[in-house]
Amino acid sequence: MYKSLISKEKKIGVIGLGYVGLPIALEFAKDFDVIGFDINSERVKLMQNGADPSKELDGSAFENKSIQFTDDLNVLKKAHFYIVAVPTDIDEHQVPNLNPLLGASKTVGQVIKKGDYVVFESTVYPGCTEEDCVPIVEKISGLKAGTDFKFGYSPERIVPGDKVRTLTTILKIVSGNDAEALEDISEVYNHIIKAGIHKADSIKVAEAAKVIENTQRDLNISLMNELSMIFDKMNIDTKAVLEAAGTKWNFHKYHPGLVGGHCISVDPFYLMHKAKQLGLDPQVIAAGRRVNDNIPHFVAKRLVKTLIENGKNPGECKVLVLGVTFKENVADIRNSKVVDLVKELMEYSLNVHVVDPVANPNEVAHEYGITLLDQPLGKYDAVMVTVGHEEYQKMDLDYFKELSNDPTVLFDIKGIYDKDLMENIIYWRL
């Protein structure tokens, strides 16, 4: 397969051109012929004009690439090595939402041919590729997996907003349905991944490896969040504690915060879902999720307490929230816990203004019913910096004082600022 692809006798097809799929497609398109497929025609049009809808890549990333962007299945059929990189989320009941992935599997079933390959990259629970996705491909195509076509799983490890740890510099896990598939898939990915390839023992091992990467981070951050709540009661600065503890060589450095996004706050639910199907009730993973999901309520309550202690009626207060995306310097608002925080503040009858220089106002309004302001309006009784955007890291004490009614109340959720420089104001951080 690799020789046919590198000689451009055959093409690579990437299905789903979001944060994961588009960088992969463009990287392969440096040396391979690539078809980039997405069901969203508006996104396709933007990419055809050299623009990344996710605002992660600039126009130069599209230059000198052998790639055709399309929403036409007839075009996609010309590919022979398919990569599925659609998002996997959870629904309102915290149950895995596989609809995009199952839909993509149907798409593959409509275009795959004898001798073709399909590799899934979407985060799933162990067993999903073989038990949920491949049977759909077989049913739609009429082909037999393992005999008529090969398949594998290679979990994505894209880090949105990270300009250092990019796609090619992160070691890639690959797996295949048999030894031949594993070797062929490894050879294809190895062409673009400078950091190297790890060949997993099986597809389920690769799936499990991905889902526990973020489950581990979720649990470690939940510990930091719980410690932050404990130390807050004791009037101890959590960041100072972590800096002191971090002087020991084997102390793992994690920080408290709002845990959102499409990975850390989602992946644990996939593992818990599978565990419950098997009759197991995961205690530790579930506890970590509960702690992290409670942080917006804790922060909102802490702010209200601070306002009351300073003689202010929360119902008459105006609060500025700086940042709504799920992490710094990215436009992605999926599963942003800042939204949960804003809603918690509103539950206390606070008048909340939200500003974010990176987020798309239309997307925020459509997804969450929240109106983004272009800039702060008037004076505020409290300011919350909830996302560590580069622009916010440059703000100083004078800026916050100018924004504020007396006394200045600054809640630094990300721990961006030097506490010692925040003189003569009410400063709080997780």
Protein backbone atom coordinates (compact mmCIF):
# COMPACT_ATOMS: atom_id res chain seq x y z
CA MET A 1 0.00 0.00 0.00
CA TYR A 2 2.76 2.47 0.95
CA LYS A 3 4.53 2.15 -2.40
CA SER A 4 1.27 2.76 -4.27
CA LEU A 5 0.58 5.82 -2.16
CA ILE A 6 4.03 7.41 -2.31
CA SER A 7 4.15 6.84 -6.08
CA LYS A 8 0.74 8.53 -6.25
CA GLU A 9 -0.89 5.58 -7.96
CA LYS A 10 -3.33 5.65 -5.04
CA LYS A 11 -4.65 8.41 -2.79
CA ILE A 12 -5.22 8.98 0.90
CA GLY A 13 -8.71 10.06 1.96
CA VAL A 14 -9.18 11.92 5.26
CA ILE A 15 -12.76 12.01 6.57
CA GLY A 16 -13.47 14.83 9.02
CA LEU A 17 -11.41 18.02 8.67
CA GLY A 18 -11.46 19.56 12.11
CA TYR A 19 -8.65 20.08 14.63
CA VAL A 20 -7.41 16.55 14.00
CA GLY A 21 -8.22 15.73 10.40
CA LEU A 22 -7.06 18.90 8.66
CA PRO A 23 -3.48 18.91 10.02
CA ILE A 24 -3.15 15.21 9.15
CA ALA A 25 -4.49 15.75 5.64
CA LEU A 26 -2.17 18.68 4.97
CA GLU A 27 0.86 16.88 6.36
CA PHE A 28 0.26 13.86 4.14
CA ALA A 29 -0.41 16.18 1.20
CA LYS A 30 3.24 17.26 1.20
CA ASP A 31 4.24 13.96 -0.44
CA PHE A 32 0.99 12.08 -1.16
CA ASP A 33 -2.14 12.80 -3.15
CA VAL A 34 -4.86 13.50 -0.58
CA ILE A 35 -8.62 13.90 -0.68
CA GLY A 36 -9.96 15.85 2.29
CA PHE A 37 -13.63 15.09 2.91
CA ASP A 38 -16.08 16.85 5.22
CA ILE A 39 -19.89 16.84 5.27
CA ASN A 40 -19.95 20.56 6.14
CA SER A 41 -19.93 22.30 2.76
CA GLU A 42 -19.25 25.71 4.30
CA ARG A 43 -16.09 24.41 5.95
CA VAL A 44 -15.06 22.78 2.68
CA LYS A 45 -15.41 26.10 0.85
CA LEU A 46 -13.18 27.83 3.39
CA MET A 47 -10.50 25.18 3.03
CA GLN A 48 -10.71 25.31 -0.75
CA ASN A 49 -9.80 28.99 -0.35
CA GLY A 50 -6.88 28.21 1.94
CA ALA A 51 -8.53 29.04 5.26
CA ASP A 52 -8.72 26.84 8.36
CA PRO A 53 -12.25 27.02 9.84
CA SER A 54 -10.78 26.18 13.25
CA LYS A 55 -8.27 29.06 13.01
CA GLU A 56 -5.40 26.80 14.08
CA LEU A 57 -3.45 26.95 10.80
CA ASP A 58 -2.57 29.99 8.73
CA GLY A 59 -2.82 30.23 4.96
CA SER A 60 0.75 29.09 4.38
CA ALA A 61 -0.16 25.60 5.64
CA PHE A 62 -2.26 25.10 2.50
CA GLU A 63 0.46 26.12 0.04
CA ASN A 64 2.18 23.58 -2.22
CA LYS A 65 -0.01 20.71 -1.04
CA SER A 66 -1.45 17.97 -3.25
CA ILE A 67 -4.92 17.99 -1.74
CA GLN A 68 -8.49 18.23 -2.96
CA PHE A 69 -11.17 19.35 -0.50
CA THR A 70 -14.66 18.00 -1.13
CA ASP A 71 -18.04 17.00 0.29
CA ASP A 72 -18.70 14.74 -2.71
CA LEU A 73 -18.65 10.98 -2.12
CA ASN A 74 -17.84 10.33 -5.76
CA VAL A 75 -14.58 12.20 -5.31
CA LEU A 76 -13.82 10.41 -2.04
CA LYS A 77 -14.19 7.05 -3.81
CA LYS A 78 -10.94 7.74 -5.66
CA ALA A 79 -8.99 7.17 -2.43
CA HIS A 80 -7.67 3.81 -1.22
CA PHE A 81 -6.32 4.55 2.27
CA TYR A 82 -9.00 6.14 4.46
CA ILE A 83 -8.41 7.95 7.74
CA VAL A 84 -11.42 8.75 9.93
CA ALA A 85 -10.86 11.76 12.21
CA VAL A 86 -14.33 12.90 13.27
CA PRO A 87 -15.05 14.19 16.80
CA THR A 88 -16.40 11.96 19.55
CA ASP A 89 -18.37 13.72 22.27
CA ILE A 90 -20.83 12.92 25.03
CA ASP A 91 -24.54 13.78 25.19
CA GLU A 92 -26.41 15.67 27.92
CA HIS A 93 -26.53 12.46 29.98
CA GLN A 94 -22.73 12.05 29.76
CA VAL A 95 -23.14 9.03 27.50
CA PRO A 96 -20.75 8.63 24.52
CA ASN A 97 -22.19 10.18 21.38
CA LEU A 98 -20.95 7.97 18.57
CA ASN A 99 -23.23 9.42 15.90
CA PRO A 100 -20.47 11.30 14.01
CA LEU A 101 -18.20 8.25 14.11
CA LEU A 102 -20.93 5.82 13.05
CA GLY A 103 -21.93 8.25 10.30
CA ALA A 104 -18.33 8.36 9.11
CA SER A 105 -18.27 4.55 9.14
CA LYS A 106 -21.29 4.57 6.83
CA THR A 107 -19.43 6.99 4.59
CA VAL A 108 -16.45 4.64 4.45
CA GLY A 109 -18.81 1.78 3.64
CA GLN A 110 -20.06 3.68 0.60
CA VAL A 111 -16.60 4.30 -0.85
CA ILE A 112 -14.29 1.49 0.28
CA LYS A 113 -13.15 -1.09 -2.27
CA LYS A 114 -11.37 -4.43 -2.23
CA GLY A 115 -7.77 -3.98 -1.19
CA ASP A 116 -8.41 -0.64 0.55
CA TYR A 117 -7.49 0.36 4.10
CA VAL A 118 -9.38 2.32 6.76
CA VAL A 119 -7.77 3.71 9.92
CA PHE A 120 -9.82 5.27 12.72
CA GLU A 121 -8.30 8.08 14.80
CA SER A 122 -11.30 9.24 16.85
CA THR A 123 -11.14 8.68 20.61
CA VAL A 124 -13.32 5.71 21.62
CA TYR A 125 -13.63 3.03 24.30
CA PRO A 126 -11.76 -0.25 23.82
CA GLY A 127 -13.58 -2.46 21.34
CA CYS A 128 -15.44 0.30 19.50
CA THR A 129 -13.49 0.01 16.24
CA GLU A 130 -14.06 -3.72 15.86
CA GLU A 131 -17.48 -3.97 17.48
CA ASP A 132 -19.22 -0.80 16.29
CA CYS A 133 -17.42 0.80 13.34
CA VAL A 134 -16.12 -2.05 11.18
CA PRO A 135 -19.45 -3.97 11.13
CA ILE A 136 -21.10 -0.85 9.65
CA VAL A 137 -18.40 -0.63 6.97
CA GLU A 138 -18.97 -4.31 6.16
CA LYS A 139 -22.75 -3.98 6.02
CA ILE A 140 -22.77 -0.93 3.75
CA SER A 141 -19.96 -2.08 1.45
CA GLY A 142 -20.80 -5.77 1.30
CA LEU A 143 -17.11 -6.48 1.85
CA LYS A 144 -15.50 -8.70 4.47
CA ALA A 145 -13.15 -7.02 6.96
CA GLY A 146 -9.71 -8.57 7.09
CA THR A 147 -10.27 -10.34 3.79
CA ASP A 148 -11.50 -7.69 1.36
CA PHE A 149 -10.15 -4.67 3.23
CA LYS A 150 -7.74 -4.02 6.09
CA PHE A 151 -8.37 -1.76 9.07
CA GLY A 152 -6.60 -0.26 12.04
CA TYR A 153 -6.71 2.29 14.81
CA SER A 154 -4.22 5.10 15.44
CA PRO A 155 -5.34 7.50 18.18
CA GLU A 156 -4.96 11.20 17.52
CA ARG A 157 -2.66 13.17 19.79
CA ILE A 158 -3.18 16.67 18.44
CA VAL A 159 -2.68 19.41 21.05
CA PRO A 160 -4.75 22.47 20.01
CA GLY A 161 -2.83 25.71 20.39
CA ASP A 162 0.54 24.04 20.97
CA LYS A 163 3.04 25.32 18.42
CA VAL A 164 5.91 23.19 19.77
CA ARG A 165 4.38 19.72 20.18
CA THR A 166 2.87 19.49 16.72
CA LEU A 167 1.59 16.49 14.78
CA THR A 168 4.93 15.28 13.42
CA THR A 169 6.79 15.68 16.74
CA ILE A 170 4.44 13.48 18.79
CA LEU A 171 5.09 9.74 18.80
CA LYS A 172 2.22 7.91 17.04
CA ILE A 173 0.52 4.76 18.27
CA VAL A 174 -0.63 2.50 15.45
CA SER A 175 -2.46 -0.82 15.32
CA GLY A 176 -3.90 -3.11 12.68
CA ASN A 177 -6.30 -6.01 12.34
CA ASP A 178 -3.40 -8.34 11.48
CA ALA A 179 0.38 -8.28 11.11
CA GLU A 180 0.26 -7.17 7.49
CA ALA A 181 -2.12 -4.32 8.25
CA LEU A 182 0.04 -3.20 11.17
CA GLU A 183 3.15 -3.03 9.01
CA ASP A 184 1.45 -1.23 6.13
CA ILE A 185 -0.27 1.32 8.39
CA SER A 186 2.96 1.90 10.31
CA GLU A 187 4.88 2.50 7.09
CA VAL A 188 2.38 5.10 5.88
CA TYR A 189 2.33 7.06 9.15
CA ASN A 190 6.05 6.74 9.65
CA HIS A 191 6.56 8.83 6.52
CA ILE A 192 5.21 11.94 8.27
CA ILE A 193 5.80 11.29 11.98
CA LYS A 194 9.34 12.38 12.87
CA ALA A 195 8.99 11.28 16.50
CA GLY A 196 8.50 7.65 15.51
CA ILE A 197 5.87 4.93 15.69
CA HIS A 198 4.75 2.66 18.52
CA LYS A 199 3.16 -0.56 17.28
CA ALA A 200 0.43 -1.59 19.70
CA ASP A 201 -0.24 -5.28 20.33
CA SER A 202 -3.83 -4.94 19.20
CA ILE A 203 -6.49 -2.43 18.21
CA LYS A 204 -8.05 -2.63 21.68
CA VAL A 205 -4.68 -1.86 23.29
CA ALA A 206 -4.34 1.25 21.11
CA GLU A 207 -7.90 2.35 21.94
CA ALA A 208 -7.32 1.82 25.66
CA ALA A 209 -4.00 3.65 25.59
CA LYS A 210 -5.64 6.73 24.15
CA VAL A 211 -8.57 6.84 26.53
CA ILE A 212 -6.41 6.45 29.66
CA GLU A 213 -4.01 9.23 28.63
CA ASN A 214 -6.65 11.83 29.34
CA THR A 215 -8.29 9.88 32.15
CA GLN A 216 -4.98 10.02 34.00
CA ARG A 217 -4.72 13.79 33.46
CA ASP A 218 -8.32 14.24 34.56
CA LEU A 219 -7.67 12.40 37.82
CA ASN A 220 -4.48 14.31 38.57
CA ILE A 221 -6.15 17.65 37.96
CA SER A 222 -9.12 16.62 40.09
CA LEU A 223 -6.71 16.03 42.98
CA MET A 224 -5.30 19.53 42.50
CA ASN A 225 -8.83 20.97 42.42
CA GLU A 226 -9.79 19.17 45.60
CA LEU A 227 -6.61 20.35 47.29
CA SER A 228 -7.41 23.89 46.14
CA MET A 229 -10.82 23.75 47.80
CA ILE A 230 -9.27 22.41 51.02
CA PHE A 231 -6.50 24.99 51.11
CA ASP A 232 -8.96 27.79 50.35
CA LYS A 233 -10.79 26.91 53.56
CA MET A 234 -7.45 27.10 55.37
CA ASN A 235 -6.50 30.42 53.75
CA ILE A 236 -3.45 28.81 52.12
CA ASP A 237 -2.34 29.74 48.59
CA THR A 238 -2.51 26.54 46.53
CA LYS A 239 -0.04 27.73 43.90
CA ALA A 240 2.54 28.45 46.60
CA VAL A 241 1.99 24.97 48.04
CA LEU A 242 2.48 23.34 44.62
CA GLU A 243 5.63 25.36 43.97
CA ALA A 244 7.07 24.21 47.30
CA ALA A 245 6.07 20.56 46.80
CA GLY A 246 7.38 20.70 43.23
CA THR A 247 10.93 21.11 44.49
CA LYS A 248 11.00 17.34 45.10
CA TRP A 249 12.24 15.45 42.04
CA ASN A 250 9.39 12.94 41.89
CA PHE A 251 6.47 15.30 42.52
CA HIS A 252 4.19 15.38 39.46
CA LYS A 253 3.32 18.94 38.50
CA TYR A 254 -0.36 19.48 37.81
CA HIS A 255 -2.45 22.57 38.47
CA PRO A 256 -6.08 23.22 39.47
CA GLY A 257 -8.46 24.72 36.96
CA LEU A 258 -11.55 24.42 34.79
CA VAL A 259 -11.34 21.07 33.00
CA GLY A 260 -13.16 21.33 29.68
CA GLY A 261 -12.53 20.69 26.02
CA HIS A 262 -13.08 17.68 23.82
CA CYS A 263 -10.53 15.35 25.44
CA ILE A 264 -9.84 15.47 29.18
CA SER A 265 -13.43 16.22 30.18
CA VAL A 266 -14.88 13.67 27.74
CA ASP A 267 -12.61 10.63 27.46
CA PRO A 268 -13.17 9.34 31.02
CA PHE A 269 -16.86 8.93 30.26
CA TYR A 270 -16.01 6.60 27.37
CA LEU A 271 -14.04 4.32 29.67
CA MET A 272 -16.71 4.47 32.39
CA HIS A 273 -19.40 3.66 29.79
CA LYS A 274 -17.57 0.52 28.69
CA ALA A 275 -16.84 -0.50 32.27
CA LYS A 276 -20.53 -0.27 33.19
CA GLN A 277 -21.43 -2.38 30.17
CA LEU A 278 -19.14 -5.02 31.65
CA GLY A 279 -20.82 -4.80 35.05
CA LEU A 280 -18.13 -2.68 36.71
CA ASP A 281 -18.74 0.59 38.55
CA PRO A 282 -15.50 2.65 38.35
CA GLN A 283 -15.16 4.61 41.58
CA VAL A 284 -11.93 6.59 41.21
CA ILE A 285 -12.55 7.80 37.65
CA ALA A 286 -16.11 8.86 38.52
CA ALA A 287 -14.94 10.70 41.63
CA GLY A 288 -12.40 12.67 39.61
CA ARG A 289 -15.08 13.71 37.14
CA ARG A 290 -17.40 14.86 39.94
CA VAL A 291 -14.70 17.01 41.49
CA ASN A 292 -13.77 18.68 38.20
CA ASP A 293 -17.37 19.23 37.17
CA ASN A 294 -17.99 20.96 40.51
CA ILE A 295 -15.30 23.61 40.08
CA PRO A 296 -17.52 26.15 38.24
CA HIS A 297 -19.99 26.00 41.16
CA PHE A 298 -17.19 26.33 43.70
CA VAL A 299 -15.65 29.37 41.97
CA ALA A 300 -19.01 31.12 41.52
CA LYS A 301 -19.91 30.57 45.16
CA ARG A 302 -16.49 31.81 46.24
CA LEU A 303 -16.94 35.03 44.24
CA VAL A 304 -20.38 35.68 45.70
CA LYS A 305 -18.98 35.18 49.19
CA THR A 306 -16.19 37.66 48.43
CA LEU A 307 -18.64 40.27 47.16
CA ILE A 308 -20.87 39.93 50.21
CA GLU A 309 -17.89 40.15 52.57
CA ASN A 310 -17.05 43.48 50.93
CA GLY A 311 -20.52 44.91 51.43
CA LYS A 312 -21.86 44.30 47.94
CA ASN A 313 -25.23 42.89 46.96
CA PRO A 314 -24.60 40.22 44.27
CA GLY A 315 -27.92 41.05 42.62
CA GLU A 316 -26.64 44.56 41.96
CA CYS A 317 -23.13 43.57 40.85
CA LYS A 318 -21.64 43.43 37.38
CA VAL A 319 -18.94 40.84 36.65
CA LEU A 320 -16.54 40.68 33.71
CA VAL A 321 -15.42 37.24 32.52
CA LEU A 322 -12.31 37.32 30.32
CA GLY A 323 -12.13 34.19 28.16
CA VAL A 324 -14.68 31.61 27.09
CA THR A 325 -12.73 29.07 25.01
CA PHE A 326 -11.75 25.77 26.62
CA LYS A 327 -8.03 26.64 26.66
CA GLU A 328 -5.63 29.45 25.89
CA ASN A 329 -5.00 30.78 22.39
CA VAL A 330 -7.49 28.50 20.63
CA ALA A 331 -10.94 29.29 19.24
CA ASP A 332 -12.43 25.95 20.30
CA ILE A 333 -15.42 26.37 22.63
CA ARG A 334 -16.46 22.71 22.82
CA ASN A 335 -17.28 21.65 26.38
CA SER A 336 -15.91 24.90 27.76
CA LYS A 337 -16.34 24.91 31.52
CA VAL A 338 -16.22 28.70 31.43
CA VAL A 339 -19.75 28.47 30.07
CA ASP A 340 -20.76 26.46 33.14
CA LEU A 341 -19.13 29.10 35.32
CA VAL A 342 -20.99 31.92 33.58
CA LYS A 343 -24.29 30.10 34.09
CA GLU A 344 -23.48 29.54 37.75
CA LEU A 345 -22.78 33.27 38.18
CA MET A 346 -26.09 34.11 36.53
CA GLU A 347 -27.85 31.75 38.95
CA TYR A 348 -26.73 34.16 41.69
CA SER A 349 -28.39 37.03 39.76
CA LEU A 350 -25.05 38.58 38.82
CA ASN A 351 -24.94 40.68 35.65
CA VAL A 352 -22.23 38.93 33.63
CA HIS A 353 -20.33 40.32 30.64
CA VAL A 354 -18.12 37.96 28.61
CA VAL A 355 -15.22 39.00 26.37
CA ASP A 356 -12.90 36.75 24.35
CA PRO A 357 -10.60 37.95 21.53
CA VAL A 358 -10.21 34.45 20.08
CA ALA A 359 -13.69 32.87 20.21
CA ASN A 360 -16.20 33.24 17.38
CA PRO A 361 -19.16 35.28 18.72
CA ASN A 362 -21.63 33.56 16.40
CA GLU A 363 -20.54 30.10 17.55
CA VAL A 364 -20.77 31.09 21.22
CA ALA A 365 -24.25 32.53 20.70
CA HIS A 366 -25.41 29.49 18.72
CA GLU A 367 -23.98 26.86 21.06
CA TYR A 368 -24.56 28.46 24.44
CA GLY A 369 -26.87 31.44 24.04
CA ILE A 370 -24.17 33.77 25.40
CA THR A 371 -23.47 37.14 23.79
CA LEU A 372 -19.79 38.05 23.51
CA LEU A 373 -18.87 41.70 23.84
CA ASP A 374 -16.12 43.19 21.69
CA GLN A 375 -14.67 44.87 24.76
CA PRO A 376 -15.52 45.58 28.41
CA LEU A 377 -18.26 48.14 29.02
CA GLY A 378 -18.02 50.43 32.02
CA LYS A 379 -16.88 49.49 35.52
CA TYR A 380 -17.16 46.07 37.12
CA ASP A 381 -17.54 44.84 40.69
CA ALA A 382 -15.38 41.83 39.89
CA VAL A 383 -13.18 40.63 37.03
CA MET A 384 -12.53 36.95 36.33
CA VAL A 385 -9.66 35.87 34.07
CA THR A 386 -10.74 32.37 33.10
CA VAL A 387 -8.52 31.56 30.10
CA GLY A 388 -4.79 32.20 29.76
CA HIS A 389 -4.85 33.88 26.35
CA GLU A 390 -1.56 35.55 25.46
CA GLU A 391 -3.33 38.92 25.42
CA TYR A 392 -4.49 38.47 29.01
CA GLN A 393 -1.04 37.51 30.27
CA LYS A 394 0.15 41.01 29.38
CA MET A 395 -2.47 42.75 31.54
CA ASP A 396 -1.29 44.43 34.74
CA LEU A 397 -2.67 45.74 38.00
CA ASP A 398 -3.43 49.21 36.60
CA TYR A 399 -5.58 47.68 33.85
CA PHE A 400 -7.75 45.82 36.33
CA LYS A 401 -8.08 48.85 38.58
CA GLU A 402 -9.28 50.95 35.65
CA LEU A 403 -11.95 48.35 34.91
CA SER A 404 -13.18 48.09 38.48
CA ASN A 405 -15.40 49.74 41.02
CA ASP A 406 -13.87 50.10 44.45
CA PRO A 407 -12.62 47.74 45.77
CA THR A 408 -10.99 45.94 42.83
CA VAL A 409 -11.84 42.23 42.91
CA LEU A 410 -9.75 40.01 40.64
CA PHE A 411 -10.31 36.25 40.35
CA ASP A 412 -7.36 34.69 38.53
CA ILE A 413 -8.67 31.22 37.67
CA LYS A 414 -5.56 30.25 35.69
CA GLY A 415 -3.06 31.60 38.20
CA ILE A 416 -1.53 33.84 35.53
CA TYR A 417 -0.42 36.79 37.65
CA ASP A 418 2.22 37.30 40.30
CA LYS A 419 0.33 37.49 43.58
CA ASP A 420 2.95 39.80 45.10
CA LEU A 421 2.25 42.42 42.41
CA MET A 422 -1.49 42.45 43.07
CA GLU A 423 -1.26 45.09 45.81
CA ASN A 424 -4.20 46.91 47.38
CA ILE A 425 -6.81 44.80 45.62
CA ILE A 426 -8.78 41.68 46.49
CA TYR A 427 -6.96 38.95 44.60
CA TRP A 428 -7.97 35.27 44.54
CA ARG A 429 -6.80 32.29 42.53
CA LEU A 430 -7.48 28.57 42.48
